[in-house]
Amino acid sequence: MADDPLSLTFAALADPTRREILARLAEGEATVNDLARPFDMSLQAVSKHLKVLEHAGLITRGRDAQWRPCRLEPAPLEEIDRWVARYRDRWEGRFTRLDEELRRMQTSTEGENHHE
């Protein structure tokens, strides 16, 4: 696996469990026990998912004695949004041109049908 930030983020987001964990953390910080509760897996398995998310920079873990809350870190998601936005602009431009061409063709066809 590549070690660049975008690759790490995409790899971390590839797993549905990790996406669910991030969705939960979007609501606020939580402990490992809180995050593990909805899943049918061991705390160790959840901790492995958290390590992947942490390595990708998507979460941080607090150091508050026994209670080590996990927090969502939005920066990697914002980087993905910027990356996707570059392509979204191109796609939207192409779709706009396609819509214009389809309307032109439809208008042209309707005009030919009225002359018959």
N, C-alpha and C. Protein backbone atom coordinates (compact mmCIF):
# COMPACT_ATOMS: atom_id res chain seq x y z
N MET A 1 0.85 -1.18 0.00
CA MET A 1 0.00 0.00 0.00
C MET A 1 0.89 1.24 0.00
N ALA A 2 0.52 2.20 -0.83
CA ALA A 2 1.29 3.44 -0.89
C ALA A 2 1.16 4.19 0.42
N ASP A 3 2.16 4.99 0.72
CA ASP A 3 2.18 5.70 1.99
C ASP A 3 1.83 7.18 1.85
N ASP A 4 1.36 7.60 0.66
CA ASP A 4 0.99 9.00 0.52
C ASP A 4 -0.38 9.20 1.20
N PRO A 5 -0.64 10.39 1.69
CA PRO A 5 -1.86 10.63 2.47
C PRO A 5 -3.16 10.26 1.76
N LEU A 6 -3.27 10.59 0.49
CA LEU A 6 -4.51 10.29 -0.24
C LEU A 6 -4.73 8.79 -0.36
N SER A 7 -3.67 8.04 -0.65
CA SER A 7 -3.79 6.57 -0.74
C SER A 7 -4.16 5.97 0.60
N LEU A 8 -3.54 6.47 1.68
CA LEU A 8 -3.88 5.96 3.01
C LEU A 8 -5.35 6.23 3.36
N THR A 9 -5.83 7.40 3.00
CA THR A 9 -7.22 7.75 3.29
C THR A 9 -8.17 6.86 2.50
N PHE A 10 -7.93 6.72 1.19
CA PHE A 10 -8.79 5.86 0.38
C PHE A 10 -8.76 4.42 0.88
N ALA A 11 -7.59 3.92 1.24
CA ALA A 11 -7.48 2.54 1.75
C ALA A 11 -8.26 2.39 3.05
N ALA A 12 -8.16 3.37 3.93
CA ALA A 12 -8.90 3.30 5.20
C ALA A 12 -10.40 3.34 4.96
N LEU A 13 -10.84 4.13 3.99
CA LEU A 13 -12.27 4.26 3.71
C LEU A 13 -12.83 3.08 2.92
N ALA A 14 -11.95 2.22 2.42
CA ALA A 14 -12.40 1.07 1.62
C ALA A 14 -13.19 0.06 2.45
N ASP A 15 -13.02 0.08 3.76
CA ASP A 15 -13.68 -0.90 4.62
C ASP A 15 -14.96 -0.33 5.22
N PRO A 16 -16.10 -1.03 5.07
CA PRO A 16 -17.37 -0.51 5.59
C PRO A 16 -17.39 -0.33 7.11
N THR A 17 -16.69 -1.17 7.84
CA THR A 17 -16.64 -1.01 9.30
C THR A 17 -15.97 0.31 9.66
N ARG A 18 -14.88 0.61 8.98
CA ARG A 18 -14.18 1.86 9.26
C ARG A 18 -15.02 3.06 8.88
N ARG A 19 -15.79 2.95 7.79
CA ARG A 19 -16.68 4.05 7.41
C ARG A 19 -17.76 4.25 8.47
N GLU A 20 -18.28 3.16 9.02
CA GLU A 20 -19.28 3.27 10.09
C GLU A 20 -18.68 3.89 11.34
N ILE A 21 -17.45 3.54 11.66
CA ILE A 21 -16.77 4.13 12.81
C ILE A 21 -16.62 5.64 12.61
N LEU A 22 -16.23 6.04 11.42
CA LEU A 22 -16.09 7.47 11.13
C LEU A 22 -17.44 8.18 11.22
N ALA A 23 -18.49 7.53 10.74
CA ALA A 23 -19.82 8.13 10.83
C ALA A 23 -20.20 8.35 12.29
N ARG A 24 -19.88 7.38 13.13
CA ARG A 24 -20.17 7.53 14.56
C ARG A 24 -19.35 8.67 15.15
N LEU A 25 -18.09 8.76 14.79
CA LEU A 25 -17.23 9.82 15.33
C LEU A 25 -17.62 11.20 14.80
N ALA A 26 -18.31 11.26 13.68
CA ALA A 26 -18.79 12.54 13.17
C ALA A 26 -19.82 13.14 14.14
N GLU A 27 -20.42 12.30 14.96
CA GLU A 27 -21.39 12.77 15.96
C GLU A 27 -20.70 13.27 17.23
N GLY A 28 -19.44 12.91 17.42
CA GLY A 28 -18.69 13.33 18.61
C GLY A 28 -17.72 12.25 19.02
N GLU A 29 -16.82 12.60 19.92
CA GLU A 29 -15.80 11.63 20.33
C GLU A 29 -16.43 10.46 21.07
N ALA A 30 -15.70 9.34 21.05
CA ALA A 30 -16.20 8.09 21.65
C ALA A 30 -15.02 7.23 22.07
N THR A 31 -15.27 6.35 23.04
CA THR A 31 -14.25 5.40 23.47
C THR A 31 -14.27 4.18 22.55
N VAL A 32 -13.25 3.36 22.67
CA VAL A 32 -13.21 2.12 21.89
C VAL A 32 -14.43 1.26 22.22
N ASN A 33 -14.80 1.18 23.50
CA ASN A 33 -15.98 0.40 23.88
C ASN A 33 -17.24 0.94 23.21
N ASP A 34 -17.39 2.28 23.19
CA ASP A 34 -18.54 2.89 22.52
C ASP A 34 -18.56 2.51 21.04
N LEU A 35 -17.40 2.57 20.42
CA LEU A 35 -17.31 2.30 18.98
C LEU A 35 -17.53 0.83 18.67
N ALA A 36 -17.11 -0.06 19.59
CA ALA A 36 -17.23 -1.50 19.36
C ALA A 36 -18.65 -2.00 19.55
N ARG A 37 -19.43 -1.30 20.35
CA ARG A 37 -20.77 -1.78 20.74
C ARG A 37 -21.64 -2.26 19.57
N PRO A 38 -21.78 -1.52 18.48
CA PRO A 38 -22.68 -1.98 17.41
C PRO A 38 -22.14 -3.12 16.54
N PHE A 39 -20.88 -3.48 16.72
CA PHE A 39 -20.27 -4.48 15.85
C PHE A 39 -20.18 -5.83 16.54
N ASP A 40 -20.30 -6.87 15.74
CA ASP A 40 -20.15 -8.23 16.24
C ASP A 40 -18.69 -8.65 16.04
N MET A 41 -17.80 -7.98 16.80
CA MET A 41 -16.37 -8.31 16.71
C MET A 41 -15.72 -7.95 18.04
N SER A 42 -14.54 -8.47 18.22
CA SER A 42 -13.80 -8.25 19.47
C SER A 42 -13.29 -6.82 19.56
N LEU A 43 -12.96 -6.41 20.78
CA LEU A 43 -12.33 -5.09 20.97
C LEU A 43 -11.01 -5.03 20.22
N GLN A 44 -10.31 -6.15 20.18
CA GLN A 44 -9.03 -6.21 19.47
C GLN A 44 -9.24 -5.92 17.97
N ALA A 45 -10.29 -6.49 17.40
CA ALA A 45 -10.57 -6.26 15.98
C ALA A 45 -10.93 -4.80 15.73
N VAL A 46 -11.73 -4.21 16.61
CA VAL A 46 -12.08 -2.79 16.48
C VAL A 46 -10.82 -1.94 16.62
N SER A 47 -9.96 -2.31 17.56
CA SER A 47 -8.70 -1.57 17.76
C SER A 47 -7.84 -1.59 16.49
N LYS A 48 -7.85 -2.70 15.77
CA LYS A 48 -7.09 -2.78 14.51
C LYS A 48 -7.64 -1.79 13.49
N HIS A 49 -8.98 -1.71 13.42
CA HIS A 49 -9.61 -0.74 12.52
C HIS A 49 -9.22 0.68 12.93
N LEU A 50 -9.22 0.94 14.22
CA LEU A 50 -8.86 2.27 14.71
C LEU A 50 -7.41 2.62 14.37
N LYS A 51 -6.53 1.64 14.42
CA LYS A 51 -5.12 1.88 14.07
C LYS A 51 -4.99 2.28 12.60
N VAL A 52 -5.76 1.63 11.74
CA VAL A 52 -5.73 1.98 10.32
C VAL A 52 -6.23 3.42 10.13
N LEU A 53 -7.33 3.75 10.80
CA LEU A 53 -7.87 5.10 10.70
C LEU A 53 -6.90 6.14 11.26
N GLU A 54 -6.24 5.78 12.35
CA GLU A 54 -5.27 6.69 12.97
C GLU A 54 -4.05 6.87 12.06
N HIS A 55 -3.57 5.79 11.47
CA HIS A 55 -2.42 5.85 10.56
C HIS A 55 -2.73 6.74 9.35
N ALA A 56 -3.98 6.72 8.91
CA ALA A 56 -4.40 7.55 7.78
C ALA A 56 -4.67 8.99 8.20
N GLY A 57 -4.60 9.27 9.49
CA GLY A 57 -4.84 10.62 9.98
C GLY A 57 -6.30 10.98 10.10
N LEU A 58 -7.18 9.98 9.97
CA LEU A 58 -8.62 10.24 10.02
C LEU A 58 -9.15 10.37 11.44
N ILE A 59 -8.42 9.82 12.40
CA ILE A 59 -8.82 9.97 13.80
C ILE A 59 -7.59 10.24 14.65
N THR A 60 -7.83 10.79 15.82
CA THR A 60 -6.80 10.89 16.85
C THR A 60 -7.38 10.27 18.10
N ARG A 61 -6.48 9.82 18.97
CA ARG A 61 -6.92 9.24 20.24
C ARG A 61 -6.36 10.08 21.37
N GLY A 62 -7.24 10.42 22.30
CA GLY A 62 -6.84 11.23 23.45
C GLY A 62 -5.98 10.44 24.42
N ARG A 63 -5.40 11.13 25.34
CA ARG A 63 -4.51 10.50 26.33
C ARG A 63 -5.02 10.75 27.75
N ASP A 64 -6.33 10.81 27.90
CA ASP A 64 -6.94 11.15 29.18
C ASP A 64 -7.03 9.92 30.09
N ALA A 65 -5.92 9.54 30.69
CA ALA A 65 -5.83 8.41 31.63
C ALA A 65 -6.51 7.17 31.07
N GLN A 66 -7.51 6.63 31.77
CA GLN A 66 -8.20 5.41 31.34
C GLN A 66 -9.13 5.66 30.15
N TRP A 67 -9.63 6.86 30.07
CA TRP A 67 -10.59 7.19 29.01
C TRP A 67 -9.84 7.80 27.84
N ARG A 68 -9.64 7.01 26.79
CA ARG A 68 -8.90 7.49 25.61
C ARG A 68 -9.88 7.72 24.47
N PRO A 69 -10.49 8.89 24.46
CA PRO A 69 -11.50 9.14 23.43
C PRO A 69 -10.89 9.23 22.03
N CYS A 70 -11.64 8.75 21.06
CA CYS A 70 -11.26 8.87 19.66
C CYS A 70 -12.01 10.05 19.08
N ARG A 71 -11.34 10.79 18.22
CA ARG A 71 -11.93 11.97 17.59
C ARG A 71 -11.72 11.90 16.08
N LEU A 72 -12.72 12.34 15.36
CA LEU A 72 -12.61 12.45 13.90
C LEU A 72 -11.71 13.62 13.56
N GLU A 73 -10.84 13.42 12.60
CA GLU A 73 -9.98 14.48 12.08
C GLU A 73 -10.40 14.73 10.63
N PRO A 74 -11.00 15.86 10.34
CA PRO A 74 -11.57 16.10 9.02
C PRO A 74 -10.58 16.39 7.90
N ALA A 75 -9.35 16.75 8.21
CA ALA A 75 -8.40 17.18 7.17
C ALA A 75 -8.24 16.17 6.02
N PRO A 76 -8.05 14.86 6.30
CA PRO A 76 -7.91 13.92 5.17
C PRO A 76 -9.17 13.84 4.31
N LEU A 77 -10.34 13.97 4.92
CA LEU A 77 -11.58 13.94 4.15
C LEU A 77 -11.71 15.20 3.30
N GLU A 78 -11.25 16.32 3.83
CA GLU A 78 -11.26 17.56 3.06
C GLU A 78 -10.32 17.45 1.86
N GLU A 79 -9.19 16.76 2.04
CA GLU A 79 -8.25 16.56 0.93
C GLU A 79 -8.89 15.70 -0.16
N ILE A 80 -9.63 14.68 0.22
CA ILE A 80 -10.35 13.85 -0.77
C ILE A 80 -11.38 14.71 -1.50
N ASP A 81 -12.09 15.54 -0.76
CA ASP A 81 -13.10 16.41 -1.37
C ASP A 81 -12.46 17.33 -2.41
N ARG A 82 -11.29 17.89 -2.09
CA ARG A 82 -10.58 18.76 -3.06
C ARG A 82 -10.15 17.96 -4.29
N TRP A 83 -9.68 16.73 -4.07
CA TRP A 83 -9.24 15.88 -5.17
C TRP A 83 -10.42 15.55 -6.09
N VAL A 84 -11.54 15.16 -5.48
CA VAL A 84 -12.73 14.82 -6.26
C VAL A 84 -13.29 16.05 -6.97
N ALA A 85 -13.23 17.21 -6.32
CA ALA A 85 -13.77 18.44 -6.90
C ALA A 85 -13.13 18.77 -8.25
N ARG A 86 -11.83 18.49 -8.38
CA ARG A 86 -11.17 18.75 -9.67
C ARG A 86 -11.84 17.96 -10.79
N TYR A 87 -12.19 16.74 -10.52
CA TYR A 87 -12.82 15.89 -11.53
C TYR A 87 -14.30 16.20 -11.66
N ARG A 88 -14.94 16.55 -10.56
CA ARG A 88 -16.36 16.90 -10.59
C ARG A 88 -16.59 18.07 -11.54
N ASP A 89 -15.73 19.08 -11.48
CA ASP A 89 -15.86 20.23 -12.37
C ASP A 89 -15.79 19.81 -13.83
N ARG A 90 -14.87 18.90 -14.15
CA ARG A 90 -14.76 18.40 -15.53
C ARG A 90 -16.00 17.63 -15.94
N TRP A 91 -16.47 16.73 -15.07
CA TRP A 91 -17.65 15.92 -15.38
C TRP A 91 -18.87 16.81 -15.57
N GLU A 92 -19.05 17.78 -14.68
CA GLU A 92 -20.21 18.65 -14.78
C GLU A 92 -20.18 19.45 -16.07
N GLY A 93 -18.98 19.90 -16.47
CA GLY A 93 -18.85 20.61 -17.74
C GLY A 93 -19.22 19.73 -18.91
N ARG A 94 -18.79 18.49 -18.87
CA ARG A 94 -19.12 17.55 -19.95
C ARG A 94 -20.62 17.25 -19.97
N PHE A 95 -21.21 17.07 -18.81
CA PHE A 95 -22.65 16.81 -18.75
C PHE A 95 -23.45 18.02 -19.23
N THR A 96 -22.99 19.20 -18.93
CA THR A 96 -23.67 20.42 -19.40
C THR A 96 -23.62 20.48 -20.91
N ARG A 97 -22.44 20.21 -21.49
CA ARG A 97 -22.33 20.22 -22.96
C ARG A 97 -23.19 19.13 -23.58
N LEU A 98 -23.24 17.95 -22.95
CA LEU A 98 -24.08 16.86 -23.45
C LEU A 98 -25.55 17.26 -23.41
N ASP A 99 -25.98 17.86 -22.31
CA ASP A 99 -27.37 18.32 -22.20
C ASP A 99 -27.70 19.32 -23.30
N GLU A 100 -26.78 20.25 -23.54
CA GLU A 100 -27.00 21.25 -24.60
C GLU A 100 -27.12 20.59 -25.97
N GLU A 101 -26.26 19.62 -26.22
CA GLU A 101 -26.29 18.92 -27.51
C GLU A 101 -27.58 18.12 -27.66
N LEU A 102 -28.01 17.44 -26.59
CA LEU A 102 -29.26 16.67 -26.65
C LEU A 102 -30.46 17.58 -26.89
N ARG A 103 -30.48 18.76 -26.23
CA ARG A 103 -31.57 19.72 -26.44
C ARG A 103 -31.56 20.22 -27.88
N ARG A 104 -30.37 20.50 -28.41
CA ARG A 104 -30.25 20.96 -29.79
C ARG A 104 -30.76 19.90 -30.76
N MET A 105 -30.40 18.64 -30.51
CA MET A 105 -30.85 17.55 -31.37
C MET A 105 -32.36 17.37 -31.28
N GLN A 106 -32.89 17.47 -30.06
CA GLN A 106 -34.33 17.31 -29.86
C GLN A 106 -35.09 18.44 -30.56
N THR A 107 -34.60 19.66 -30.44
CA THR A 107 -35.24 20.81 -31.09
C THR A 107 -35.19 20.63 -32.60
N SER A 108 -34.06 20.15 -33.10
CA SER A 108 -33.89 19.93 -34.52
C SER A 108 -34.86 18.86 -35.02
N THR A 109 -35.00 17.77 -34.27
CA THR A 109 -35.89 16.68 -34.63
C THR A 109 -37.35 17.13 -34.58
N GLU A 110 -37.71 17.89 -33.57
CA GLU A 110 -39.08 18.39 -33.46
C GLU A 110 -39.40 19.33 -34.61
N GLY A 111 -38.43 20.13 -35.02
CA GLY A 111 -38.63 21.04 -36.16
C GLY A 111 -38.85 20.26 -37.45
N GLU A 112 -38.12 19.16 -37.64
CA GLU A 112 -38.29 18.34 -38.83
C GLU A 112 -39.65 17.66 -38.82
N ASN A 113 -40.15 17.23 -37.68
CA ASN A 113 -41.44 16.56 -37.58
C ASN A 113 -42.59 17.52 -37.90
N HIS A 114 -42.45 18.80 -37.61
CA HIS A 114 -43.50 19.77 -37.89
C HIS A 114 -43.61 20.08 -39.37
N HIS A 115 -42.55 19.84 -40.14
CA HIS A 115 -42.56 20.14 -41.56
C HIS A 115 -43.15 19.02 -42.39
N GLU A 116 -43.45 17.91 -41.78
CA GLU A 116 -43.95 16.75 -42.57
C GLU A 116 -45.40 16.83 -42.86
